[in-house]
């Protein structure tokens, strides 16, 4: 049975109303929505980082170098720490990941997680458009945190069966699928298309912030046992679910305002800066809220997967994201391992330091997401912006691989530049593009398609996210050069898949100008490029 008619105002907001004696204005609610969804999805990404941090502990390469416990890792100590070269120290790793083919098994648990995440995304998107997003997101976060924690309990229970770790990752992947369609749909419910690229570009920093926090948390407790690197982020994830349950108003109707995407939604725009309303006025609204909001919600049917796929632009962007996430998630899952296994300035760094240092890739990603959103808003060219970033990522990755080992400073700079171009289009497509297509004019404002469209695009992208780490597990045995060639091929395919949309955007821009002035346009574009 649909849960739309059973939705109620979040209990935390009801409590704040009683304490303050006032309701928040729509503008205040928007800030609250951005903050809560930011925290929520940062928790999702934080809980995905532990596996990348502990890879070198589960599968140490004893023949090359032993891992070192660094008492003062970055940012408290030095960023780069030399490895302990004590030959008497022989790392054991953790069965079943420490033997021959250990990297392949690590890749298999990554692909198990991401495959279930990808498949679950299609179902979660449709459910997100049909059920109460607040409750759906709450249970998704608590369930995901539970199974991430169970993976870490394998350390304390002394479990060495590969199937246990595989099942825990698969279950966590299914619950993680609830996150992205839900948070994008919630933000889309509260914000129109004006400056959507910039707003969502800034908001999408939660991905990189979550990666950074997850890396720091997992690396910080690693010295107490690798199990804590999963349990701590899992607990934070579940705690985030409680916050969502208490304070997330998934729909404007939940707090007494009309749907922004409906005709009556103009109310929010006209009252964006009004004074906060007295609680008595809110009570009057709440009397009809259960009937009006529920009725309005039920009148809006959810969109089927096939209908959502027919929205212009969904398929090209979904396929582009397949290769874009292939590249991004390879860095997400394997960059700490890569840093710990290669020399930088003639020195190796500890496992913990490698995990902390990898966060700088996400710092570049934050800048890339904001920059891509701003550029796409300014020129109203989502496809062109995404394709340009993907093409620019190719030389950035090649230069990083070739010269990242020259010195410590060079590695940091090149890593951040690569993160900027890799995460820029990934952030743009999964946020502003998905929200644009989920409220496309072809839907005639009569359907809730935000979560479904987001699920199709990100679900397809997550299939690529599963493939990248899996291939890396095998290709890394041939050398890291093979891995970077795979990443270059993925970035190239991502850019090429948007070619048709890029041409359409260029033609649309040129369509407003007389044919006799085409030479002036090309001259101006050329001049701007040089400047």
Protein backbone atom coordinates (compact mmCIF):
# COMPACT_ATOMS: atom_id res chain seq x y z
CA UNK A 1 0.00 0.00 0.00
CA UNK A 2 1.28 3.46 -0.82
CA UNK A 3 2.65 5.36 2.08
CA UNK A 4 1.90 8.77 0.72
CA UNK A 5 -1.29 9.24 2.75
CA UNK A 6 0.49 8.14 5.95
CA UNK A 7 3.26 10.72 5.78
CA UNK A 8 3.52 13.06 8.74
CA UNK A 9 5.61 16.02 9.75
CA UNK A 10 9.00 14.77 11.06
CA UNK A 11 8.94 14.52 14.89
CA UNK A 12 12.06 16.67 15.29
CA UNK A 13 10.44 19.53 13.38
CA UNK A 14 7.24 19.22 15.44
CA UNK A 15 9.33 19.51 18.60
CA UNK A 16 11.15 22.59 17.30
CA UNK A 17 7.82 24.21 16.42
CA UNK A 18 6.53 23.73 19.95
CA UNK A 19 9.73 25.01 21.51
CA UNK A 20 10.10 28.07 19.24
CA UNK A 21 6.40 28.81 18.85
CA UNK A 22 6.98 29.50 15.15
CA UNK A 23 7.27 27.62 11.91
CA UNK A 24 10.27 28.06 9.65
CA UNK A 25 9.97 29.99 6.40
CA UNK A 26 10.41 28.11 3.10
CA UNK A 27 13.88 29.63 2.73
CA UNK A 28 14.95 28.25 6.12
CA UNK A 29 13.57 24.83 5.26
CA UNK A 30 15.62 24.83 2.06
CA UNK A 31 18.82 25.44 4.00
CA UNK A 32 17.85 22.66 6.41
CA UNK A 33 17.13 20.27 3.53
CA UNK A 34 20.52 20.95 1.95
CA UNK A 35 22.30 20.41 5.27
CA UNK A 36 20.49 17.20 6.24
CA UNK A 37 20.79 15.58 2.82
CA UNK A 38 24.44 16.67 2.70
CA UNK A 39 25.11 14.91 6.01
CA UNK A 40 23.10 11.87 4.94
CA UNK A 41 24.95 11.19 1.72
CA UNK A 42 28.31 12.06 3.23
CA UNK A 43 27.59 9.19 5.64
CA UNK A 44 26.86 6.90 2.70
CA UNK A 45 30.21 7.63 1.10
CA UNK A 46 32.10 7.52 4.39
CA UNK A 47 30.88 3.95 4.91
CA UNK A 48 32.25 2.94 1.48
CA UNK A 49 35.85 3.96 2.16
CA UNK A 50 36.98 1.35 4.72
CA UNK A 51 37.53 -1.40 2.15
CA UNK A 52 39.99 0.79 0.25
CA UNK A 53 41.84 1.74 3.43
CA UNK A 54 42.32 -1.82 4.71
CA UNK A 55 43.29 -3.41 1.37
CA UNK A 56 46.99 -3.19 2.14
CA UNK A 57 46.39 -4.73 5.58
CA UNK A 58 44.28 -7.61 4.28
CA UNK A 59 46.71 -8.28 1.43
CA UNK A 60 50.21 -6.98 2.27
CA UNK A 61 52.97 -7.60 -0.22
CA UNK A 62 55.55 -9.04 2.10
CA UNK A 63 58.01 -9.75 -0.66
CA UNK A 64 58.24 -6.07 -1.46
CA UNK A 65 57.74 -4.22 1.80
CA UNK A 66 56.03 -4.60 5.19
CA UNK A 67 53.37 -2.20 6.46
CA UNK A 68 54.33 0.31 9.12
CA UNK A 69 52.31 1.59 12.03
CA UNK A 70 52.72 5.35 12.03
CA UNK A 71 52.07 6.84 15.46
CA UNK A 72 51.49 10.35 14.14
CA UNK A 73 49.81 10.20 10.69
CA UNK A 74 48.73 13.14 8.61
CA UNK A 75 47.31 15.66 9.46
CA UNK A 76 48.88 15.43 12.95
CA UNK A 77 52.28 14.39 11.63
CA UNK A 78 54.11 14.35 8.35
CA UNK A 79 52.15 13.68 5.19
CA UNK A 80 54.77 11.31 3.84
CA UNK A 81 56.28 8.73 6.15
CA UNK A 82 58.99 6.28 5.20
CA UNK A 83 58.15 2.59 5.41
CA UNK A 84 59.76 0.49 8.09
CA UNK A 85 62.31 -1.71 6.33
CA UNK A 86 62.79 -4.15 9.20
CA UNK A 87 63.29 -7.44 7.40
CA UNK A 88 62.37 -9.43 10.51
CA UNK A 89 58.81 -8.09 10.31
CA UNK A 90 56.71 -10.33 8.09
CA UNK A 91 53.11 -9.21 7.50
CA UNK A 92 50.49 -11.94 7.65
CA UNK A 93 47.47 -10.22 6.21
CA UNK A 94 44.04 -11.77 6.64
CA UNK A 95 42.92 -15.01 5.10
CA UNK A 96 41.34 -15.39 2.49
CA UNK A 97 42.83 -12.16 1.08
CA UNK A 98 46.51 -12.64 1.91
CA UNK A 99 47.40 -15.49 -0.43
CA UNK A 100 47.97 -15.72 -4.14
CA UNK A 101 45.14 -14.01 -5.98
CA UNK A 102 44.36 -11.85 -2.95
CA UNK A 103 44.00 -8.69 -5.03
CA UNK A 104 41.51 -10.49 -7.26
CA UNK A 105 39.41 -11.43 -4.26
CA UNK A 106 39.53 -7.87 -3.00
CA UNK A 107 38.29 -6.80 -6.42
CA UNK A 108 35.52 -9.40 -6.26
CA UNK A 109 34.10 -8.10 -2.98
CA UNK A 110 34.18 -4.59 -4.45
CA UNK A 111 32.27 -5.69 -7.53
CA UNK A 112 29.81 -7.66 -5.36
CA UNK A 113 29.00 -4.51 -3.42
CA UNK A 114 28.72 -2.31 -6.51
CA UNK A 115 26.77 -4.86 -8.57
CA UNK A 116 24.12 -5.15 -5.86
CA UNK A 117 24.20 -1.38 -5.49
CA UNK A 118 23.63 -0.95 -9.21
CA UNK A 119 20.80 -3.49 -9.46
CA UNK A 120 19.20 -2.23 -6.26
CA UNK A 121 19.26 1.31 -7.62
CA UNK A 122 16.60 0.59 -10.25
CA UNK A 123 14.24 -0.86 -7.66
CA UNK A 124 15.07 1.78 -5.06
CA UNK A 125 14.39 4.61 -7.50
CA UNK A 126 10.88 3.39 -8.27
CA UNK A 127 10.18 2.75 -4.58
CA UNK A 128 11.50 6.20 -3.72
CA UNK A 129 8.88 7.76 -6.00
CA UNK A 130 6.16 5.60 -4.43
CA UNK A 131 7.01 5.58 -0.72
CA UNK A 132 7.77 8.17 1.93
CA UNK A 133 11.33 9.28 1.15
CA UNK A 134 12.10 10.11 4.78
CA UNK A 135 11.33 6.61 6.06
CA UNK A 136 12.84 4.99 2.98
CA UNK A 137 16.11 6.85 3.48
CA UNK A 138 16.12 6.22 7.23
CA UNK A 139 15.88 2.44 6.95
CA UNK A 140 18.38 2.43 4.09
CA UNK A 141 20.98 4.21 6.22
CA UNK A 142 20.42 2.08 9.32
CA UNK A 143 20.50 -1.14 7.31
CA UNK A 144 23.62 -0.13 5.45
CA UNK A 145 25.43 0.84 8.66
CA UNK A 146 24.44 -2.50 10.21
CA UNK A 147 25.98 -4.62 7.44
CA UNK A 148 29.09 -2.45 7.15
CA UNK A 149 29.60 -3.03 10.87
CA UNK A 150 29.03 -6.77 10.47
CA UNK A 151 31.82 -6.89 7.88
CA UNK A 152 34.17 -5.45 10.51
CA UNK A 153 32.94 -7.94 13.13
CA UNK A 154 34.55 -10.62 10.99
CA UNK A 155 37.84 -9.45 12.50
CA UNK A 156 36.69 -9.93 16.10
CA UNK A 157 34.90 -13.19 15.35
CA UNK A 158 38.03 -14.44 13.56
CA UNK A 159 36.10 -15.28 10.39
CA UNK A 160 38.14 -16.31 7.35
CA UNK A 161 35.38 -17.58 5.05
CA UNK A 162 35.28 -15.61 1.82
CA UNK A 163 31.50 -16.06 1.49
CA UNK A 164 30.89 -14.15 4.74
CA UNK A 165 32.64 -11.01 3.52
CA UNK A 166 31.01 -11.38 0.12
CA UNK A 167 27.48 -11.61 1.56
CA UNK A 168 28.05 -8.66 3.91
CA UNK A 169 29.18 -6.49 0.99
CA UNK A 170 26.22 -7.55 -1.16
CA UNK A 171 23.72 -6.75 1.60
CA UNK A 172 25.39 -3.40 2.27
CA UNK A 173 25.24 -2.62 -1.45
CA UNK A 174 21.50 -3.23 -1.60
CA UNK A 175 20.83 -0.87 1.32
CA UNK A 176 23.25 1.72 -0.07
CA UNK A 177 21.10 1.88 -3.22
CA UNK A 178 18.42 3.72 -1.25
CA UNK A 179 20.61 6.78 -0.80
CA UNK A 180 21.25 8.62 -4.02
CA UNK A 181 17.77 8.49 -5.64
CA UNK A 182 16.27 9.61 -2.34
CA UNK A 183 18.49 12.62 -1.59
CA UNK A 184 18.35 13.90 -5.18
CA UNK A 185 14.56 13.58 -5.17
CA UNK A 186 14.30 15.43 -1.85
CA UNK A 187 16.45 18.32 -3.10
CA UNK A 188 14.52 18.40 -6.37
CA UNK A 189 11.27 18.63 -4.40
CA UNK A 190 12.46 21.84 -2.76
CA UNK A 191 14.47 23.59 -5.48
CA UNK A 192 13.58 24.80 -8.96
CA UNK A 193 15.89 24.80 -11.98
CA UNK A 194 17.35 28.28 -11.43
CA UNK A 195 21.07 27.93 -10.60
CA UNK A 196 20.47 24.21 -10.02
CA UNK A 197 23.89 23.32 -11.41
CA UNK A 198 25.77 25.61 -9.02
CA UNK A 199 23.62 24.75 -5.99
CA UNK A 200 23.91 21.03 -6.59
CA UNK A 201 27.58 21.36 -7.48
CA UNK A 202 28.24 22.82 -4.05
CA UNK A 203 25.84 20.38 -2.38
CA UNK A 204 27.45 17.43 -4.17
CA UNK A 205 30.64 18.10 -2.21
CA UNK A 206 29.09 15.63 0.25
CA UNK A 207 30.54 12.86 -1.92
CA UNK A 208 34.10 14.06 -1.46
CA UNK A 209 33.55 15.17 2.14
CA UNK A 210 32.19 11.70 2.91
CA UNK A 211 35.19 10.07 1.24
CA UNK A 212 37.56 12.28 3.21
CA UNK A 213 35.82 11.67 6.54
CA UNK A 214 35.53 7.95 5.84
CA UNK A 215 39.24 7.73 5.05
CA UNK A 216 40.25 9.66 8.16
CA UNK A 217 37.95 7.65 10.43
CA UNK A 218 38.98 4.27 8.98
CA UNK A 219 42.69 5.14 9.04
CA UNK A 220 42.45 6.67 12.50
CA UNK A 221 41.19 3.47 14.16
CA UNK A 222 43.16 1.06 11.98
CA UNK A 223 45.87 0.57 14.60
CA UNK A 224 43.31 -1.00 16.94
CA UNK A 225 42.40 -3.66 14.38
CA UNK A 226 41.02 -3.41 10.85
CA UNK A 227 37.56 -4.39 12.09
CA UNK A 228 37.18 -0.98 13.73
CA UNK A 229 37.72 0.65 10.33
CA UNK A 230 34.31 -0.75 9.35
CA UNK A 231 32.47 -0.58 12.66
CA UNK A 232 33.14 3.13 13.28
CA UNK A 233 31.83 4.37 9.87
CA UNK A 234 28.91 1.92 10.17
CA UNK A 235 27.92 3.46 13.50
CA UNK A 236 28.15 6.98 12.05
CA UNK A 237 25.97 5.83 9.14
CA UNK A 238 23.24 4.52 11.47
CA UNK A 239 23.40 7.71 13.53
CA UNK A 240 22.85 9.70 10.34
CA UNK A 241 19.71 7.63 9.70
CA UNK A 242 18.30 8.74 13.06
CA UNK A 243 18.92 12.40 12.14
CA UNK A 244 17.09 11.90 8.84
CA UNK A 245 14.11 10.35 10.61
CA UNK A 246 13.84 13.19 13.09
CA UNK A 247 14.40 16.24 10.89
CA UNK A 248 14.10 15.54 7.14
CA UNK A 249 11.02 17.11 5.52
CA UNK A 250 11.16 15.21 2.24
CA UNK A 251 8.30 17.18 0.67
CA UNK A 252 7.15 20.78 1.11
CA UNK A 253 3.68 19.36 1.77
CA UNK A 254 5.01 17.65 4.91
CA UNK A 255 5.46 21.03 6.62
CA UNK A 256 2.44 22.86 5.25
CA UNK A 257 3.70 24.20 1.90
CA UNK A 258 2.50 23.23 -1.58
CA UNK A 259 4.58 21.28 -4.08
CA UNK A 260 7.10 23.62 -5.74
CA UNK A 261 6.71 21.83 -9.08
CA UNK A 262 2.96 22.42 -9.14
CA UNK A 263 1.13 25.62 -10.00
CA UNK A 264 0.42 26.27 -6.35
CA UNK A 265 4.17 25.89 -5.73
CA UNK A 266 4.53 29.55 -6.69
CA UNK A 267 3.50 30.20 -3.10
CA UNK A 268 6.99 29.23 -1.95
CA UNK A 269 8.66 31.49 -4.49
CA UNK A 270 6.52 34.48 -3.55
CA UNK A 271 7.11 33.91 0.14
CA UNK A 272 10.79 33.07 -0.05
CA UNK A 273 11.79 35.91 2.26
CA UNK A 274 8.65 36.35 4.33
CA UNK A 275 8.69 36.55 8.09
CA UNK A 276 8.24 33.25 9.91
CA UNK A 277 4.63 32.38 10.48
CA UNK A 278 3.03 32.11 13.91
CA UNK A 279 2.40 28.59 15.16
CA UNK A 280 -1.36 29.25 15.15
CA UNK A 281 -1.25 29.65 11.37
CA UNK A 282 0.66 26.41 11.07
CA UNK A 283 -1.96 24.59 13.10
CA UNK A 284 -4.63 25.74 10.65
CA UNK A 285 -2.55 24.42 7.79
CA UNK A 286 -1.97 21.12 9.56
CA UNK A 287 -5.70 20.52 9.90
CA UNK A 288 -5.94 20.09 6.17
CA UNK A 289 -2.43 18.78 5.69
CA UNK A 290 -3.25 15.11 6.02
CA UNK A 291 -5.99 15.41 3.45
CA UNK A 292 -4.58 17.97 1.04
CA UNK A 293 -0.96 16.80 1.08
CA UNK A 294 -1.91 13.18 0.95
CA UNK A 295 -4.37 13.79 -1.83
CA UNK A 296 -1.86 15.79 -3.82
CA UNK A 297 0.74 13.09 -3.33
CA UNK A 298 -1.56 10.28 -4.43
CA UNK A 299 -2.69 12.21 -7.52
CA UNK A 300 0.90 12.19 -8.69
CA UNK A 301 1.69 8.76 -10.03
CA UNK A 302 5.19 7.35 -10.07
CA UNK A 303 6.81 6.81 -13.46
CA UNK A 304 7.75 3.37 -14.78
CA UNK A 305 11.32 2.54 -15.77
CA UNK A 306 10.51 2.29 -19.48
CA UNK A 307 8.71 5.65 -19.53
CA UNK A 308 11.59 7.27 -17.66
CA UNK A 309 14.08 5.85 -20.18
CA UNK A 310 12.15 7.55 -22.98
CA UNK A 311 12.83 11.01 -21.53
CA UNK A 312 15.24 12.73 -23.96
CA UNK A 313 18.81 12.62 -22.69
CA UNK A 314 18.39 9.92 -20.03
CA UNK A 315 20.09 7.10 -21.98
CA UNK A 316 23.12 9.11 -23.26
CA UNK A 317 23.84 10.55 -19.82
CA UNK A 318 23.35 7.14 -18.18
CA UNK A 319 25.86 5.52 -20.54
CA UNK A 320 28.27 8.41 -20.07
CA UNK A 321 28.04 7.98 -16.31
CA UNK A 322 28.82 4.26 -16.74
CA UNK A 323 32.33 5.13 -17.90
CA UNK A 324 32.65 8.22 -15.72
CA UNK A 325 32.00 6.22 -12.54
CA UNK A 326 34.25 3.43 -13.81
CA UNK A 327 37.07 5.94 -13.63
CA UNK A 328 35.98 7.69 -10.42
CA UNK A 329 35.35 4.52 -8.41
CA UNK A 330 38.62 2.95 -9.47
CA UNK A 331 40.31 5.88 -7.76
CA UNK A 332 37.89 5.61 -4.82
CA UNK A 333 38.65 1.96 -4.11
CA UNK A 334 42.25 1.58 -5.27
CA UNK A 335 44.05 4.92 -4.84
CA UNK A 336 45.18 4.26 -1.21
CA UNK A 337 46.49 0.83 -2.26
CA UNK A 338 48.27 2.36 -5.26
CA UNK A 339 49.92 5.03 -3.09
CA UNK A 340 51.15 2.45 -0.60
CA UNK A 341 52.61 0.22 -3.31
CA UNK A 342 54.52 2.83 -5.33
CA UNK A 343 57.51 5.00 -4.52
CA UNK A 344 57.12 8.76 -4.23
CA UNK A 345 60.35 10.67 -4.22
CA UNK A 346 62.17 7.34 -3.81
CA UNK A 347 60.26 6.47 -0.62
CA UNK A 348 57.27 4.33 0.34
CA UNK A 349 54.59 5.59 2.71
CA UNK A 350 52.69 3.72 5.40
CA UNK A 351 49.25 2.24 4.83
CA UNK A 352 47.65 4.75 7.17
CA UNK A 353 49.39 7.70 5.54
CA UNK A 354 48.40 6.48 2.08
CA UNK A 355 44.76 6.40 3.17
CA UNK A 356 44.93 9.90 4.58
CA UNK A 357 46.79 11.29 1.58
CA UNK A 358 44.24 9.87 -0.87
CA UNK A 359 41.71 12.34 0.54
CA UNK A 360 43.41 15.10 -1.47
CA UNK A 361 41.97 13.53 -4.61
CA UNK A 362 38.53 14.27 -3.19
CA UNK A 363 39.55 17.82 -2.29
CA UNK A 364 40.15 18.36 -6.01
CA UNK A 365 36.82 16.65 -6.64
CA UNK A 366 34.98 19.21 -4.52
CA UNK A 367 36.39 22.04 -6.63
CA UNK A 368 35.58 20.11 -9.82
CA UNK A 369 31.95 19.55 -8.88
CA UNK A 370 31.38 23.21 -8.03
CA UNK A 371 33.21 24.41 -11.14
CA UNK A 372 31.31 22.06 -13.45
CA UNK A 373 27.99 23.17 -11.95
CA UNK A 374 28.81 26.85 -12.30
CA UNK A 375 30.00 26.53 -15.91
CA UNK A 376 26.98 24.45 -16.95
CA UNK A 377 24.64 27.05 -15.40
CA UNK A 378 26.41 29.99 -17.00
CA UNK A 379 26.43 28.54 -20.51
CA UNK A 380 23.33 26.32 -20.07
CA UNK A 381 25.28 23.43 -21.51
CA UNK A 382 25.31 20.37 -19.26
CA UNK A 383 26.53 17.90 -21.90
CA UNK A 384 29.26 20.15 -23.26
CA UNK A 385 30.60 20.82 -19.78
CA UNK A 386 30.62 17.14 -18.81
CA UNK A 387 32.29 16.05 -22.06
CA UNK A 388 34.96 18.75 -21.79
CA UNK A 389 35.87 17.67 -18.27
CA UNK A 390 36.11 14.03 -19.30
CA UNK A 391 38.45 14.85 -22.18
CA UNK A 392 40.59 16.98 -19.85
CA UNK A 393 40.79 14.09 -17.37
CA UNK A 394 42.74 11.99 -19.90
CA UNK A 395 45.98 14.03 -19.92
CA UNK A 396 45.54 14.74 -16.19
CA UNK A 397 45.59 11.02 -15.34
CA UNK A 398 48.46 10.24 -17.69
CA UNK A 399 50.59 13.04 -16.26
CA UNK A 400 49.79 11.92 -12.70
CA UNK A 401 50.88 8.35 -13.45
CA UNK A 402 54.05 9.44 -15.24
CA UNK A 403 55.24 12.19 -12.90
CA UNK A 404 53.43 11.56 -9.61
CA UNK A 405 56.45 9.73 -8.24
CA UNK A 406 58.89 12.55 -8.89
CA UNK A 407 58.36 14.28 -5.56
CA UNK A 408 55.87 14.66 -2.77
CA UNK A 409 54.69 18.11 -3.84
CA UNK A 410 54.22 17.10 -7.48
CA UNK A 411 52.17 14.06 -6.45
CA UNK A 412 49.79 16.16 -4.34
CA UNK A 413 49.26 18.78 -7.06
CA UNK A 414 48.72 16.28 -9.88
CA UNK A 415 46.41 14.17 -7.71
CA UNK A 416 44.17 17.15 -6.99
CA UNK A 417 44.08 18.18 -10.66
CA UNK A 418 43.10 14.64 -11.66
CA UNK A 419 40.39 14.63 -8.97
CA UNK A 420 39.03 17.93 -10.30
CA UNK A 421 38.50 16.64 -13.84
CA UNK A 422 37.42 13.11 -12.89
CA UNK A 423 34.83 14.05 -10.28
CA UNK A 424 33.53 17.19 -12.03
CA UNK A 425 31.33 15.48 -14.67
CA UNK A 426 30.47 12.65 -12.29
CA UNK A 427 29.08 15.20 -9.83
CA UNK A 428 27.28 17.19 -12.53
CA UNK A 429 25.50 14.21 -14.11
CA UNK A 430 24.39 12.64 -10.85
CA UNK A 431 22.96 15.90 -9.49
CA UNK A 432 21.85 18.74 -11.78
CA UNK A 433 21.42 16.60 -14.90
CA UNK A 434 19.38 13.97 -13.06
CA UNK A 435 17.20 16.63 -11.42
CA UNK A 436 16.68 18.38 -14.79
CA UNK A 437 15.61 15.19 -16.52
CA UNK A 438 13.47 14.08 -13.58
CA UNK A 439 11.35 17.22 -14.00
CA UNK A 440 11.50 17.25 -17.79
CA UNK A 441 8.75 19.10 -19.64
CA UNK A 442 7.71 15.86 -21.38
CA UNK A 443 6.34 14.68 -18.01
CA UNK A 444 3.82 17.56 -18.08
CA UNK A 445 4.21 18.03 -14.32
CA UNK A 446 1.95 15.06 -13.61
CA UNK A 447 4.47 12.50 -12.37
CA UNK A 448 7.04 12.02 -9.67
CA UNK A 449 10.02 10.86 -11.72
CA UNK A 450 12.96 12.38 -9.87
CA UNK A 451 13.98 9.26 -7.97
CA UNK A 452 13.27 6.95 -10.92
CA UNK A 453 15.34 8.97 -13.41
CA UNK A 454 18.12 9.39 -10.87
CA UNK A 455 18.09 5.64 -10.27
CA UNK A 456 18.33 4.84 -13.99
CA UNK A 457 21.25 7.21 -14.53
CA UNK A 458 23.15 6.38 -11.36
CA UNK A 459 22.24 2.69 -11.52
CA UNK A 460 23.76 2.41 -14.97
CA UNK A 461 26.75 4.41 -13.77
CA UNK A 462 27.15 2.09 -10.81
CA UNK A 463 27.50 -0.87 -13.16
CA UNK A 464 30.60 0.89 -14.48
CA UNK A 465 31.63 1.60 -10.90
CA UNK A 466 31.52 -2.16 -10.28
CA UNK A 467 33.45 -3.01 -13.42
CA UNK A 468 36.33 -0.57 -12.82
CA UNK A 469 37.53 -1.92 -9.44
CA UNK A 470 37.03 -5.50 -10.65
CA UNK A 471 39.22 -4.99 -13.71
CA UNK A 472 41.77 -3.16 -11.58
CA UNK A 473 42.12 -6.22 -9.34
CA UNK A 474 43.27 -8.22 -12.37
CA UNK A 475 45.11 -5.53 -14.33
CA UNK A 476 47.17 -4.42 -11.33
CA UNK A 477 48.96 -7.78 -11.48
CA UNK A 478 50.23 -6.76 -14.93
CA UNK A 479 51.40 -3.38 -13.69
CA UNK A 480 49.75 -0.06 -12.86
CA UNK A 481 50.35 1.22 -16.39
CA UNK A 482 47.66 -1.17 -17.63
CA UNK A 483 45.23 0.22 -15.06
CA UNK A 484 45.80 3.80 -16.20
CA UNK A 485 45.30 2.83 -19.84
CA UNK A 486 41.92 1.38 -18.82
CA UNK A 487 41.05 4.65 -17.08
CA UNK A 488 42.00 6.68 -20.16
CA UNK A 489 39.82 4.47 -22.36
CA UNK A 490 36.91 4.91 -19.94
CA UNK A 491 37.22 8.71 -19.90
CA UNK A 492 37.37 8.81 -23.70
CA UNK A 493 34.22 6.69 -24.07
CA UNK A 494 32.39 8.87 -21.53
CA UNK A 495 33.12 12.00 -23.55
CA UNK A 496 32.26 10.44 -26.91
CA UNK A 497 28.87 9.20 -25.69
CA UNK A 498 27.76 12.80 -25.18
CA UNK A 499 28.78 13.90 -28.69
CA UNK A 500 25.21 14.00 -30.01
CA UNK A 501 23.99 16.08 -27.08
CA UNK A 502 26.99 18.39 -27.34
CA UNK A 503 26.24 19.04 -31.01
CA UNK A 504 22.59 19.68 -30.15
CA UNK A 505 23.58 22.22 -27.49
CA UNK A 506 25.92 24.01 -29.86
CA UNK A 507 23.25 24.15 -32.56
CA UNK A 508 20.74 25.49 -30.05
CA UNK A 509 23.12 28.29 -29.13
CA UNK A 510 23.85 29.12 -32.77
CA UNK A 511 20.18 28.94 -33.72
CA UNK A 512 19.53 32.38 -32.24
CA UNK A 513 21.99 34.03 -34.63
CA UNK A 514 21.68 34.84 -38.33
CA UNK A 515 23.69 32.63 -40.64
CA UNK A 516 25.60 35.67 -41.90
CA UNK A 517 27.08 36.15 -38.42
CA UNK A 518 28.46 32.62 -37.99
CA UNK A 519 31.99 33.76 -38.80
CA UNK A 520 31.74 36.32 -35.98
CA UNK A 521 30.67 33.62 -33.54
CA UNK A 522 33.60 31.38 -34.36
CA UNK A 523 35.95 34.36 -34.12
CA UNK A 524 34.58 35.23 -30.65
CA UNK A 525 34.82 31.63 -29.44
CA UNK A 526 38.41 31.43 -30.71
CA UNK A 527 39.30 34.73 -29.04
CA UNK A 528 37.74 33.67 -25.71
CA UNK A 529 39.69 30.40 -25.85
CA UNK A 530 42.98 32.27 -26.29
CA UNK A 531 42.14 34.65 -23.46
